[in-house]
Amino acid sequence: MSPKLAAVLLTLAASSLAGAAEAHAYLESAAPAVDGMSAPPAEIRITFSEEVVTKFSGLTLKNGAGKKVAVGKPKAGADKSVLIVPVKAKLAPGPYDVEWFCVSADTHRMKGHYRFTVR
């Protein structure tokens, strides 16, 4: 292999790795919606910008007083970028905070939060 060809291949490999290293799973949408109003949900669905590893992803749900609300085991949607978490109790009217965390397929750990209100 010529030194010039080797340099081109090395540059291509490095640039493709750099793009992969910058990838992270970000929240794209949620149900109940971010800052939205909802009837008491049976589950929380979060759609991320890329696939997540369900085994290492989940959320904590807290009511307006900061008390944790029981949720079930997370599962993946048909599209592995969707995380579905059952809500074990019927939620009373008021604000709720969702603190989510996920590990994307490229092993980056991300976290964030949002609020919704049950009417």
PDB file of N, CA and C in Angstrom:
ATOM      1  N   MET A   1       0.861  -1.170   0.000  1.00  0.00           N
ATOM      2  CA  MET A   1       0.000   0.000   0.000  1.00  0.00           C
ATOM      3  C   MET A   1       0.907   1.232   0.000  1.00  0.00           C
ATOM      4  N   SER A   2       0.537   2.181  -0.817  1.00  0.00           N
ATOM      5  CA  SER A   2       1.344   3.399  -0.903  1.00  0.00           C
ATOM      6  C   SER A   2       1.120   4.258   0.336  1.00  0.00           C
ATOM      7  N   PRO A   3       2.133   5.042   0.700  1.00  0.00           N
ATOM      8  CA  PRO A   3       1.983   5.940   1.857  1.00  0.00           C
ATOM      9  C   PRO A   3       0.825   6.926   1.677  1.00  0.00           C
ATOM     10  N   LYS A   4       0.587   7.364   0.438  1.00  0.00           N
ATOM     11  CA  LYS A   4      -0.508   8.308   0.176  1.00  0.00           C
ATOM     12  C   LYS A   4      -1.869   7.652   0.431  1.00  0.00           C
ATOM     13  N   LEU A   5      -2.042   6.407  -0.051  1.00  0.00           N
ATOM     14  CA  LEU A   5      -3.290   5.679   0.173  1.00  0.00           C
ATOM     15  C   LEU A   5      -3.494   5.405   1.658  1.00  0.00           C
ATOM     16  N   ALA A   6      -2.432   5.048   2.345  1.00  0.00           N
ATOM     17  CA  ALA A   6      -2.511   4.792   3.792  1.00  0.00           C
ATOM     18  C   ALA A   6      -2.943   6.055   4.529  1.00  0.00           C
ATOM     19  N   ALA A   7      -2.422   7.201   4.121  1.00  0.00           N
ATOM     20  CA  ALA A   7      -2.783   8.466   4.766  1.00  0.00           C
ATOM     21  C   ALA A   7      -4.254   8.795   4.537  1.00  0.00           C
ATOM     22  N   VAL A   8      -4.750   8.559   3.315  1.00  0.00           N
ATOM     23  CA  VAL A   8      -6.156   8.813   3.009  1.00  0.00           C
ATOM     24  C   VAL A   8      -7.055   7.905   3.845  1.00  0.00           C
ATOM     25  N   LEU A   9      -6.721   6.615   3.908  1.00  0.00           N
ATOM     26  CA  LEU A   9      -7.524   5.673   4.694  1.00  0.00           C
ATOM     27  C   LEU A   9      -7.507   6.029   6.172  1.00  0.00           C
ATOM     28  N   LEU A  10      -6.371   6.426   6.701  1.00  0.00           N
ATOM     29  CA  LEU A  10      -6.261   6.819   8.103  1.00  0.00           C
ATOM     30  C   LEU A  10      -7.111   8.056   8.380  1.00  0.00           C
ATOM     31  N   THR A  11      -7.100   9.018   7.468  1.00  0.00           N
ATOM     32  CA  THR A  11      -7.909  10.226   7.627  1.00  0.00           C
ATOM     33  C   THR A  11      -9.398   9.895   7.614  1.00  0.00           C
ATOM     34  N   LEU A  12      -9.824   9.032   6.693  1.00  0.00           N
ATOM     35  CA  LEU A  12     -11.229   8.625   6.638  1.00  0.00           C
ATOM     36  C   LEU A  12     -11.654   7.905   7.906  1.00  0.00           C
ATOM     37  N   ALA A  13     -10.831   7.007   8.391  1.00  0.00           N
ATOM     38  CA  ALA A  13     -11.155   6.267   9.616  1.00  0.00           C
ATOM     39  C   ALA A  13     -11.256   7.208  10.803  1.00  0.00           C
ATOM     40  N   ALA A  14     -10.333   8.134  10.925  1.00  0.00           N
ATOM     41  CA  ALA A  14     -10.342   9.077  12.045  1.00  0.00           C
ATOM     42  C   ALA A  14     -11.564   9.981  12.003  1.00  0.00           C
ATOM     43  N   SER A  15     -11.948  10.437  10.822  1.00  0.00           N
ATOM     44  CA  SER A  15     -13.109  11.323  10.732  1.00  0.00           C
ATOM     45  C   SER A  15     -14.404  10.586  11.038  1.00  0.00           C
ATOM     46  N   SER A  16     -14.502   9.316  10.667  1.00  0.00           N
ATOM     47  CA  SER A  16     -15.718   8.565  10.989  1.00  0.00           C
ATOM     48  C   SER A  16     -15.796   8.270  12.475  1.00  0.00           C
ATOM     49  N   LEU A  17     -14.678   8.029  13.136  1.00  0.00           N
ATOM     50  CA  LEU A  17     -14.671   7.813  14.584  1.00  0.00           C
ATOM     51  C   LEU A  17     -14.997   9.090  15.330  1.00  0.00           C
ATOM     52  N   ALA A  18     -14.523  10.201  14.849  1.00  0.00           N
ATOM     53  CA  ALA A  18     -14.812  11.477  15.506  1.00  0.00           C
ATOM     54  C   ALA A  18     -16.302  11.757  15.490  1.00  0.00           C
ATOM     55  N   GLY A  19     -16.981  11.461  14.386  1.00  0.00           N
ATOM     56  CA  GLY A  19     -18.427  11.666  14.316  1.00  0.00           C
ATOM     57  C   GLY A  19     -19.161  10.779  15.290  1.00  0.00           C
ATOM     58  N   ALA A  20     -18.739   9.532  15.418  1.00  0.00           N
ATOM     59  CA  ALA A  20     -19.383   8.605  16.348  1.00  0.00           C
ATOM     60  C   ALA A  20     -19.144   9.023  17.785  1.00  0.00           C
ATOM     61  N   ALA A  21     -17.986   9.559  18.076  1.00  0.00           N
ATOM     62  CA  ALA A  21     -17.653   9.939  19.443  1.00  0.00           C
ATOM     63  C   ALA A  21     -18.484  11.124  19.916  1.00  0.00           C
ATOM     64  N   GLU A  22     -18.982  11.936  18.987  1.00  0.00           N
ATOM     65  CA  GLU A  22     -19.760  13.101  19.350  1.00  0.00           C
ATOM     66  C   GLU A  22     -21.249  12.802  19.499  1.00  0.00           C
ATOM     67  N   ALA A  23     -21.692  11.617  19.156  1.00  0.00           N
ATOM     68  CA  ALA A  23     -23.114  11.282  19.188  1.00  0.00           C
ATOM     69  C   ALA A  23     -23.598  11.082  20.622  1.00  0.00           C
ATOM     70  N   HIS A  24     -24.788  11.589  20.904  1.00  0.00           N
ATOM     71  CA  HIS A  24     -25.423  11.425  22.210  1.00  0.00           C
ATOM     72  C   HIS A  24     -26.923  11.288  21.984  1.00  0.00           C
ATOM     73  N   ALA A  25     -27.583  10.603  22.895  1.00  0.00           N
ATOM     74  CA  ALA A  25     -29.041  10.466  22.820  1.00  0.00           C
ATOM     75  C   ALA A  25     -29.685  11.635  23.565  1.00  0.00           C
ATOM     76  N   TYR A  26     -30.408  12.464  22.836  1.00  0.00           N
ATOM     77  CA  TYR A  26     -31.115  13.593  23.421  1.00  0.00           C
ATOM     78  C   TYR A  26     -32.613  13.357  23.365  1.00  0.00           C
ATOM     79  N   LEU A  27     -33.332  13.906  24.325  1.00  0.00           N
ATOM     80  CA  LEU A  27     -34.784  13.810  24.334  1.00  0.00           C
ATOM     81  C   LEU A  27     -35.332  14.580  23.136  1.00  0.00           C
ATOM     82  N   GLU A  28     -36.101  13.899  22.291  1.00  0.00           N
ATOM     83  CA  GLU A  28     -36.735  14.558  21.149  1.00  0.00           C
ATOM     84  C   GLU A  28     -38.186  14.888  21.439  1.00  0.00           C
ATOM     85  N   SER A  29     -38.885  13.958  22.114  1.00  0.00           N
ATOM     86  CA  SER A  29     -40.279  14.200  22.470  1.00  0.00           C
ATOM     87  C   SER A  29     -40.654  13.280  23.625  1.00  0.00           C
ATOM     88  N   ALA A  30     -41.775  13.589  24.243  1.00  0.00           N
ATOM     89  CA  ALA A  30     -42.234  12.783  25.377  1.00  0.00           C
ATOM     90  C   ALA A  30     -43.753  12.799  25.421  1.00  0.00           C
ATOM     91  N   ALA A  31     -44.309  11.769  26.048  1.00  0.00           N
ATOM     92  CA  ALA A  31     -45.744  11.687  26.307  1.00  0.00           C
ATOM     93  C   ALA A  31     -45.917  11.170  27.724  1.00  0.00           C
ATOM     94  N   PRO A  32     -46.493  11.958  28.603  1.00  0.00           N
ATOM     95  CA  PRO A  32     -47.014  13.298  28.442  1.00  0.00           C
ATOM     96  C   PRO A  32     -45.918  14.267  27.953  1.00  0.00           C
ATOM     97  N   ALA A  33     -46.368  15.285  27.246  1.00  0.00           N
ATOM     98  CA  ALA A  33     -45.462  16.230  26.600  1.00  0.00           C
ATOM     99  C   ALA A  33     -44.713  17.100  27.608  1.00  0.00           C
ATOM    100  N   VAL A  34     -43.532  17.515  27.209  1.00  0.00           N
ATOM    101  CA  VAL A  34     -42.728  18.439  28.007  1.00  0.00           C
ATOM    102  C   VAL A  34     -43.535  19.717  28.230  1.00  0.00           C
ATOM    103  N   ASP A  35     -43.695  20.099  29.491  1.00  0.00           N
ATOM    104  CA  ASP A  35     -44.462  21.282  29.907  1.00  0.00           C
ATOM    105  C   ASP A  35     -45.925  21.221  29.478  1.00  0.00           C
ATOM    106  N   GLY A  36     -46.423  20.017  29.181  1.00  0.00           N
ATOM    107  CA  GLY A  36     -47.794  19.863  28.724  1.00  0.00           C
ATOM    108  C   GLY A  36     -48.766  19.527  29.846  1.00  0.00           C
ATOM    109  N   MET A  37     -50.049  19.490  29.486  1.00  0.00           N
ATOM    110  CA  MET A  37     -51.110  19.069  30.397  1.00  0.00           C
ATOM    111  C   MET A  37     -51.645  17.754  29.870  1.00  0.00           C
ATOM    112  N   SER A  38     -51.990  16.853  30.802  1.00  0.00           N
ATOM    113  CA  SER A  38     -52.380  15.512  30.403  1.00  0.00           C
ATOM    114  C   SER A  38     -53.393  14.942  31.378  1.00  0.00           C
ATOM    115  N   ALA A  39     -54.181  14.000  30.889  1.00  0.00           N
ATOM    116  CA  ALA A  39     -54.952  13.150  31.790  1.00  0.00           C
ATOM    117  C   ALA A  39     -53.928  12.268  32.505  1.00  0.00           C
ATOM    118  N   PRO A  40     -54.291  11.627  33.619  1.00  0.00           N
ATOM    119  CA  PRO A  40     -53.317  10.768  34.305  1.00  0.00           C
ATOM    120  C   PRO A  40     -52.794   9.675  33.354  1.00  0.00           C
ATOM    121  N   PRO A  41     -51.495   9.661  33.082  1.00  0.00           N
ATOM    122  CA  PRO A  41     -50.951   8.693  32.122  1.00  0.00           C
ATOM    123  C   PRO A  41     -50.738   7.312  32.744  1.00  0.00           C
ATOM    124  N   ALA A  42     -50.907   6.284  31.940  1.00  0.00           N
ATOM    125  CA  ALA A  42     -50.616   4.915  32.368  1.00  0.00           C
ATOM    126  C   ALA A  42     -49.140   4.597  32.169  1.00  0.00           C
ATOM    127  N   GLU A  43     -48.482   5.405  31.314  1.00  0.00           N
ATOM    128  CA  GLU A  43     -47.060   5.209  31.035  1.00  0.00           C
ATOM    129  C   GLU A  43     -46.446   6.523  30.598  1.00  0.00           C
ATOM    130  N   ILE A  44     -45.129   6.563  30.675  1.00  0.00           N
ATOM    131  CA  ILE A  44     -44.374   7.700  30.160  1.00  0.00           C
ATOM    132  C   ILE A  44     -43.529   7.173  29.011  1.00  0.00           C
ATOM    133  N   ARG A  45     -43.614   7.854  27.866  1.00  0.00           N
ATOM    134  CA  ARG A  45     -42.848   7.476  26.673  1.00  0.00           C
ATOM    135  C   ARG A  45     -41.903   8.619  26.342  1.00  0.00           C
ATOM    136  N   ILE A  46     -40.633   8.285  26.252  1.00  0.00           N
ATOM    137  CA  ILE A  46     -39.642   9.282  25.866  1.00  0.00           C
ATOM    138  C   ILE A  46     -38.980   8.810  24.579  1.00  0.00           C
ATOM    139  N   THR A  47     -38.980   9.677  23.582  1.00  0.00           N
ATOM    140  CA  THR A  47     -38.327   9.376  22.318  1.00  0.00           C
ATOM    141  C   THR A  47     -37.001  10.124  22.279  1.00  0.00           C
ATOM    142  N   PHE A  48     -35.930   9.368  22.060  1.00  0.00           N
ATOM    143  CA  PHE A  48     -34.585   9.940  22.016  1.00  0.00           C
ATOM    144  C   PHE A  48     -34.117  10.086  20.570  1.00  0.00           C
ATOM    145  N   SER A  49     -33.061  10.826  20.392  1.00  0.00           N
ATOM    146  CA  SER A  49     -32.520  11.097  19.061  1.00  0.00           C
ATOM    147  C   SER A  49     -31.797   9.892  18.457  1.00  0.00           C
ATOM    148  N   GLU A  50     -31.524   8.882  19.265  1.00  0.00           N
ATOM    149  CA  GLU A  50     -30.913   7.642  18.773  1.00  0.00           C
ATOM    150  C   GLU A  50     -31.305   6.500  19.694  1.00  0.00           C
ATOM    151  N   GLU A  51     -30.965   5.282  19.307  1.00  0.00           N
ATOM    152  CA  GLU A  51     -31.306   4.105  20.110  1.00  0.00           C
ATOM    153  C   GLU A  51     -30.663   4.187  21.488  1.00  0.00           C
ATOM    154  N   VAL A  52     -31.394   3.668  22.495  1.00  0.00           N
ATOM    155  CA  VAL A  52     -30.860   3.606  23.853  1.00  0.00           C
ATOM    156  C   VAL A  52     -30.860   2.158  24.332  1.00  0.00           C
ATOM    157  N   VAL A  53     -30.003   1.878  25.299  1.00  0.00           N
ATOM    158  CA  VAL A  53     -29.915   0.551  25.893  1.00  0.00           C
ATOM    159  C   VAL A  53     -30.882   0.532  27.078  1.00  0.00           C
ATOM    160  N   THR A  54     -32.001  -0.145  26.902  1.00  0.00           N
ATOM    161  CA  THR A  54     -33.070  -0.132  27.906  1.00  0.00           C
ATOM    162  C   THR A  54     -32.587  -0.583  29.277  1.00  0.00           C
ATOM    163  N   LYS A  55     -31.731  -1.583  29.302  1.00  0.00           N
ATOM    164  CA  LYS A  55     -31.217  -2.132  30.562  1.00  0.00           C
ATOM    165  C   LYS A  55     -30.536  -1.055  31.423  1.00  0.00           C
ATOM    166  N   PHE A  56     -29.979  -0.040  30.801  1.00  0.00           N
ATOM    167  CA  PHE A  56     -29.255   1.006  31.522  1.00  0.00           C
ATOM    168  C   PHE A  56     -29.950   2.360  31.437  1.00  0.00           C
ATOM    169  N   SER A  57     -31.242   2.359  31.158  1.00  0.00           N
ATOM    170  CA  SER A  57     -31.991   3.604  30.997  1.00  0.00           C
ATOM    171  C   SER A  57     -33.254   3.551  31.848  1.00  0.00           C
ATOM    172  N   GLY A  58     -33.773   4.703  32.205  1.00  0.00           N
ATOM    173  CA  GLY A  58     -34.985   4.736  33.010  1.00  0.00           C
ATOM    174  C   GLY A  58     -35.319   6.150  33.437  1.00  0.00           C
ATOM    175  N   LEU A  59     -36.166   6.249  34.465  1.00  0.00           N
ATOM    176  CA  LEU A  59     -36.552   7.565  34.961  1.00  0.00           C
ATOM    177  C   LEU A  59     -37.048   7.473  36.394  1.00  0.00           C
ATOM    178  N   THR A  60     -37.061   8.624  37.025  1.00  0.00           N
ATOM    179  CA  THR A  60     -37.668   8.803  38.332  1.00  0.00           C
ATOM    180  C   THR A  60     -38.795   9.811  38.140  1.00  0.00           C
ATOM    181  N   LEU A  61     -39.946   9.524  38.717  1.00  0.00           N
ATOM    182  CA  LEU A  61     -41.103  10.407  38.617  1.00  0.00           C
ATOM    183  C   LEU A  61     -41.396  10.942  40.009  1.00  0.00           C
ATOM    184  N   LYS A  62     -41.531  12.274  40.126  1.00  0.00           N
ATOM    185  CA  LYS A  62     -41.819  12.903  41.420  1.00  0.00           C
ATOM    186  C   LYS A  62     -43.019  13.821  41.287  1.00  0.00           C
ATOM    187  N   ASN A  63     -43.844  13.842  42.344  1.00  0.00           N
ATOM    188  CA  ASN A  63     -44.995  14.745  42.352  1.00  0.00           C
ATOM    189  C   ASN A  63     -44.540  16.161  42.712  1.00  0.00           C
ATOM    190  N   GLY A  64     -45.474  17.097  42.757  1.00  0.00           N
ATOM    191  CA  GLY A  64     -45.147  18.491  43.043  1.00  0.00           C
ATOM    192  C   GLY A  64     -44.479  18.718  44.383  1.00  0.00           C
ATOM    193  N   ALA A  65     -44.688  17.811  45.335  1.00  0.00           N
ATOM    194  CA  ALA A  65     -44.054  17.919  46.649  1.00  0.00           C
ATOM    195  C   ALA A  65     -42.673  17.270  46.674  1.00  0.00           C
ATOM    196  N   GLY A  66     -42.252  16.705  45.540  1.00  0.00           N
ATOM    197  CA  GLY A  66     -40.933  16.070  45.475  1.00  0.00           C
ATOM    198  C   GLY A  66     -40.920  14.618  45.906  1.00  0.00           C
ATOM    199  N   LYS A  67     -42.106  14.038  46.147  1.00  0.00           N
ATOM    200  CA  LYS A  67     -42.189  12.643  46.569  1.00  0.00           C
ATOM    201  C   LYS A  67     -42.169  11.727  45.344  1.00  0.00           C
ATOM    202  N   LYS A  68     -41.359  10.666  45.413  1.00  0.00           N
ATOM    203  CA  LYS A  68     -41.270   9.724  44.300  1.00  0.00           C
ATOM    204  C   LYS A  68     -42.588   8.985  44.105  1.00  0.00           C
ATOM    205  N   VAL A  69     -42.917   8.777  42.828  1.00  0.00           N
ATOM    206  CA  VAL A  69     -44.098   8.025  42.433  1.00  0.00           C
ATOM    207  C   VAL A  69     -43.597   6.702  41.846  1.00  0.00           C
ATOM    208  N   ALA A  70     -44.237   5.609  42.228  1.00  0.00           N
ATOM    209  CA  ALA A  70     -43.800   4.284  41.768  1.00  0.00           C
ATOM    210  C   ALA A  70     -43.987   4.132  40.257  1.00  0.00           C
ATOM    211  N   VAL A  71     -42.920   3.649  39.621  1.00  0.00           N
ATOM    212  CA  VAL A  71     -42.973   3.345  38.189  1.00  0.00           C
ATOM    213  C   VAL A  71     -42.488   1.919  37.986  1.00  0.00           C
ATOM    214  N   GLY A  72     -42.835   1.346  36.846  1.00  0.00           N
ATOM    215  CA  GLY A  72     -42.447  -0.015  36.530  1.00  0.00           C
ATOM    216  C   GLY A  72     -41.110  -0.089  35.808  1.00  0.00           C
ATOM    217  N   LYS A  73     -40.810  -1.294  35.370  1.00  0.00           N
ATOM    218  CA  LYS A  73     -39.556  -1.561  34.668  1.00  0.00           C
ATOM    219  C   LYS A  73     -39.616  -0.971  33.255  1.00  0.00           C
ATOM    220  N   PRO A  74     -38.585  -0.232  32.854  1.00  0.00           N
ATOM    221  CA  PRO A  74     -38.572   0.338  31.500  1.00  0.00           C
ATOM    222  C   PRO A  74     -38.516  -0.746  30.434  1.00  0.00           C
ATOM    223  N   LYS A  75     -39.120  -0.439  29.296  1.00  0.00           N
ATOM    224  CA  LYS A  75     -39.019  -1.334  28.143  1.00  0.00           C
ATOM    225  C   LYS A  75     -38.825  -0.477  26.903  1.00  0.00           C
ATOM    226  N   ALA A  76     -38.362  -1.111  25.848  1.00  0.00           N
ATOM    227  CA  ALA A  76     -38.125  -0.399  24.585  1.00  0.00           C
ATOM    228  C   ALA A  76     -39.377  -0.449  23.732  1.00  0.00           C
ATOM    229  N   GLY A  77     -39.574   0.590  22.956  1.00  0.00           N
ATOM    230  CA  GLY A  77     -40.637   0.587  21.964  1.00  0.00           C
ATOM    231  C   GLY A  77     -40.181  -0.214  20.752  1.00  0.00           C
ATOM    232  N   ALA A  78     -41.034  -0.318  19.750  1.00  0.00           N
ATOM    233  CA  ALA A  78     -40.663  -1.020  18.516  1.00  0.00           C
ATOM    234  C   ALA A  78     -39.409  -0.386  17.921  1.00  0.00           C
ATOM    235  N   ASP A  79     -39.318   0.926  18.035  1.00  0.00           N
ATOM    236  CA  ASP A  79     -38.125   1.656  17.646  1.00  0.00           C
ATOM    237  C   ASP A  79     -37.299   1.787  18.932  1.00  0.00           C
ATOM    238  N   LYS A  80     -36.112   1.271  18.968  1.00  0.00           N
ATOM    239  CA  LYS A  80     -35.318   1.239  20.200  1.00  0.00           C
ATOM    240  C   LYS A  80     -34.872   2.616  20.689  1.00  0.00           C
ATOM    241  N   SER A  81     -35.318   3.664  20.006  1.00  0.00           N
ATOM    242  CA  SER A  81     -35.041   5.009  20.496  1.00  0.00           C
ATOM    243  C   SER A  81     -36.170   5.487  21.418  1.00  0.00           C
ATOM    244  N   VAL A  82     -37.185   4.644  21.619  1.00  0.00           N
ATOM    245  CA  VAL A  82     -38.312   4.987  22.486  1.00  0.00           C
ATOM    246  C   VAL A  82     -38.217   4.181  23.779  1.00  0.00           C
ATOM    247  N   LEU A  83     -38.241   4.879  24.903  1.00  0.00           N
ATOM    248  CA  LEU A  83     -38.228   4.255  26.226  1.00  0.00           C
ATOM    249  C   LEU A  83     -39.635   4.382  26.802  1.00  0.00           C
ATOM    250  N   ILE A  84     -40.209   3.264  27.242  1.00  0.00           N
ATOM    251  CA  ILE A  84     -41.565   3.247  27.790  1.00  0.00           C
ATOM    252  C   ILE A  84     -41.485   2.800  29.249  1.00  0.00           C
ATOM    253  N   VAL A  85     -42.023   3.610  30.149  1.00  0.00           N
ATOM    254  CA  VAL A  85     -41.992   3.301  31.580  1.00  0.00           C
ATOM    255  C   VAL A  85     -43.415   3.361  32.117  1.00  0.00           C
ATOM    256  N   PRO A  86     -43.935   2.220  32.597  1.00  0.00           N
ATOM    257  CA  PRO A  86     -45.290   2.207  33.162  1.00  0.00           C
ATOM    258  C   PRO A  86     -45.364   3.027  34.465  1.00  0.00           C
ATOM    259  N   VAL A  87     -46.491   3.694  34.678  1.00  0.00           N
ATOM    260  CA  VAL A  87     -46.746   4.409  35.930  1.00  0.00           C
ATOM    261  C   VAL A  87     -47.642   3.496  36.749  1.00  0.00           C
ATOM    262  N   LYS A  88     -47.209   3.144  37.951  1.00  0.00           N
ATOM    263  CA  LYS A  88     -47.929   2.148  38.754  1.00  0.00           C
ATOM    264  C   LYS A  88     -49.152   2.688  39.485  1.00  0.00           C
ATOM    265  N   ALA A  89     -49.228   3.991  39.699  1.00  0.00           N
ATOM    266  CA  ALA A  89     -50.353   4.571  40.439  1.00  0.00           C
ATOM    267  C   ALA A  89     -51.089   5.563  39.552  1.00  0.00           C
ATOM    268  N   LYS A  90     -52.367   5.776  39.862  1.00  0.00           N
ATOM    269  CA  LYS A  90     -53.104   6.820  39.152  1.00  0.00           C
ATOM    270  C   LYS A  90     -52.636   8.156  39.724  1.00  0.00           C
ATOM    271  N   LEU A  91     -52.201   9.037  38.847  1.00  0.00           N
ATOM    272  CA  LEU A  91     -51.656  10.317  39.293  1.00  0.00           C
ATOM    273  C   LEU A  91     -52.769  11.311  39.590  1.00  0.00           C
ATOM    274  N   ALA A  92     -52.631  11.980  40.731  1.00  0.00           N
ATOM    275  CA  ALA A  92     -53.567  13.033  41.118  1.00  0.00           C
ATOM    276  C   ALA A  92     -53.270  14.290  40.308  1.00  0.00           C
ATOM    277  N   PRO A  93     -54.233  15.185  40.184  1.00  0.00           N
ATOM    278  CA  PRO A  93     -53.961  16.443  39.481  1.00  0.00           C
ATOM    279  C   PRO A  93     -52.795  17.197  40.122  1.00  0.00           C
ATOM    280  N   GLY A  94     -52.008  17.833  39.263  1.00  0.00           N
ATOM    281  CA  GLY A  94     -50.875  18.623  39.742  1.00  0.00           C
ATOM    282  C   GLY A  94     -49.642  18.417  38.882  1.00  0.00           C
ATOM    283  N   PRO A  95     -48.551  19.086  39.256  1.00  0.00           N
ATOM    284  CA  PRO A  95     -47.313  18.996  38.486  1.00  0.00           C
ATOM    285  C   PRO A  95     -46.505  17.744  38.840  1.00  0.00           C
ATOM    286  N   TYR A  96     -45.764  17.243  37.849  1.00  0.00           N
ATOM    287  CA  TYR A  96     -44.891  16.079  38.030  1.00  0.00           C
ATOM    288  C   TYR A  96     -43.573  16.341  37.317  1.00  0.00           C
ATOM    289  N   ASP A  97     -42.500  15.905  37.952  1.00  0.00           N
ATOM    290  CA  ASP A  97     -41.164  16.027  37.372  1.00  0.00           C
ATOM    291  C   ASP A  97     -40.660  14.656  36.949  1.00  0.00           C
ATOM    292  N   VAL A  98     -40.132  14.585  35.736  1.00  0.00           N
ATOM    293  CA  VAL A  98     -39.533  13.371  35.184  1.00  0.00           C
ATOM    294  C   VAL A  98     -38.035  13.614  35.118  1.00  0.00           C
ATOM    295  N   GLU A  99     -37.272  12.811  35.829  1.00  0.00           N
ATOM    296  CA  GLU A  99     -35.809  12.861  35.758  1.00  0.00           C
ATOM    297  C   GLU A  99     -35.372  11.604  35.012  1.00  0.00           C
ATOM    298  N   TRP A 100     -34.953  11.755  33.773  1.00  0.00           N
ATOM    299  CA  TRP A 100     -34.616  10.603  32.937  1.00  0.00           C
ATOM    300  C   TRP A 100     -33.104  10.433  32.812  1.00  0.00           C
ATOM    301  N   PHE A 101     -32.719   9.207  32.513  1.00  0.00           N
ATOM    302  CA  PHE A 101     -31.315   8.901  32.221  1.00  0.00           C
ATOM    303  C   PHE A 101     -31.312   7.812  31.162  1.00  0.00           C
ATOM    304  N   CYS A 102     -30.292   7.807  30.349  1.00  0.00           N
ATOM    305  CA  CYS A 102     -30.198   6.785  29.310  1.00  0.00           C
ATOM    306  C   CYS A 102     -28.744   6.545  28.942  1.00  0.00           C
ATOM    307  N   VAL A 103     -28.520   5.375  28.403  1.00  0.00           N
ATOM    308  CA  VAL A 103     -27.232   5.047  27.804  1.00  0.00           C
ATOM    309  C   VAL A 103     -27.527   4.751  26.341  1.00  0.00           C
ATOM    310  N   SER A 104     -26.883   5.496  25.468  1.00  0.00           N
ATOM    311  CA  SER A 104     -27.111   5.297  24.042  1.00  0.00           C
ATOM    312  C   SER A 104     -26.339   4.080  23.547  1.00  0.00           C
ATOM    313  N   ALA A 105     -26.655   3.654  22.357  1.00  0.00           N
ATOM    314  CA  ALA A 105     -26.016   2.472  21.775  1.00  0.00           C
ATOM    315  C   ALA A 105     -24.502   2.635  21.698  1.00  0.00           C
ATOM    316  N   ASP A 106     -24.025   3.885  21.640  1.00  0.00           N
ATOM    317  CA  ASP A 106     -22.575   4.108  21.601  1.00  0.00           C
ATOM    318  C   ASP A 106     -21.989   4.286  23.010  1.00  0.00           C
ATOM    319  N   THR A 107     -22.751   3.931  24.036  1.00  0.00           N
ATOM    320  CA  THR A 107     -22.378   3.892  25.464  1.00  0.00           C
ATOM    321  C   THR A 107     -22.264   5.250  26.144  1.00  0.00           C
ATOM    322  N   HIS A 108     -22.726   6.313  25.529  1.00  0.00           N
ATOM    323  CA  HIS A 108     -22.725   7.609  26.205  1.00  0.00           C
ATOM    324  C   HIS A 108     -23.915   7.688  27.157  1.00  0.00           C
ATOM    325  N   ARG A 109     -23.668   8.123  28.382  1.00  0.00           N
ATOM    326  CA  ARG A 109     -24.727   8.281  29.371  1.00  0.00           C
ATOM    327  C   ARG A 109     -25.194   9.731  29.352  1.00  0.00           C
ATOM    328  N   MET A 110     -26.501   9.898  29.264  1.00  0.00           N
ATOM    329  CA  MET A 110     -27.094  11.228  29.255  1.00  0.00           C
ATOM    330  C   MET A 110     -28.192  11.266  30.314  1.00  0.00           C
ATOM    331  N   LYS A 111     -28.514  12.468  30.780  1.00  0.00           N
ATOM    332  CA  LYS A 111     -29.620  12.622  31.716  1.00  0.00           C
ATOM    333  C   LYS A 111     -30.246  13.989  31.508  1.00  0.00           C
ATOM    334  N   GLY A 112     -31.459  14.111  31.986  1.00  0.00           N
ATOM    335  CA  GLY A 112     -32.167  15.362  31.869  1.00  0.00           C
ATOM    336  C   GLY A 112     -33.470  15.298  32.648  1.00  0.00           C
ATOM    337  N   HIS A 113     -34.269  16.323  32.526  1.00  0.00           N
ATOM    338  CA  HIS A 113     -35.538  16.340  33.245  1.00  0.00           C
ATOM    339  C   HIS A 113     -36.532  17.210  32.490  1.00  0.00           C
ATOM    340  N   TYR A 114     -37.778  16.994  32.800  1.00  0.00           N
ATOM    341  CA  TYR A 114     -38.835  17.845  32.286  1.00  0.00           C
ATOM    342  C   TYR A 114     -40.024  17.734  33.225  1.00  0.00           C
ATOM    343  N   ARG A 115     -40.984  18.610  33.015  1.00  0.00           N
ATOM    344  CA  ARG A 115     -42.179  18.666  33.862  1.00  0.00           C
ATOM    345  C   ARG A 115     -43.419  18.586  32.994  1.00  0.00           C
ATOM    346  N   PHE A 116     -44.449  17.955  33.549  1.00  0.00           N
ATOM    347  CA  PHE A 116     -45.779  17.959  32.924  1.00  0.00           C
ATOM    348  C   PHE A 116     -46.786  18.109  34.052  1.00  0.00           C
ATOM    349  N   THR A 117     -48.022  18.424  33.698  1.00  0.00           N
ATOM    350  CA  THR A 117     -49.073  18.626  34.696  1.00  0.00           C
ATOM    351  C   THR A 117     -50.253  17.724  34.366  1.00  0.00           C
ATOM    352  N   VAL A 118     -50.756  17.057  35.392  1.00  0.00           N
ATOM    353  CA  VAL A 118     -51.974  16.235  35.254  1.00  0.00           C
ATOM    354  C   VAL A 118     -53.151  17.138  35.586  1.00  0.00           C
ATOM    355  N   ARG A 119     -54.138  17.130  34.692  1.00  0.00           N
ATOM    356  CA  ARG A 119     -55.327  17.985  34.912  1.00  0.00           C
ATOM    357  C   ARG A 119     -56.405  17.228  35.670  1.00  0.00           C
TER     358      ARG A 119
END
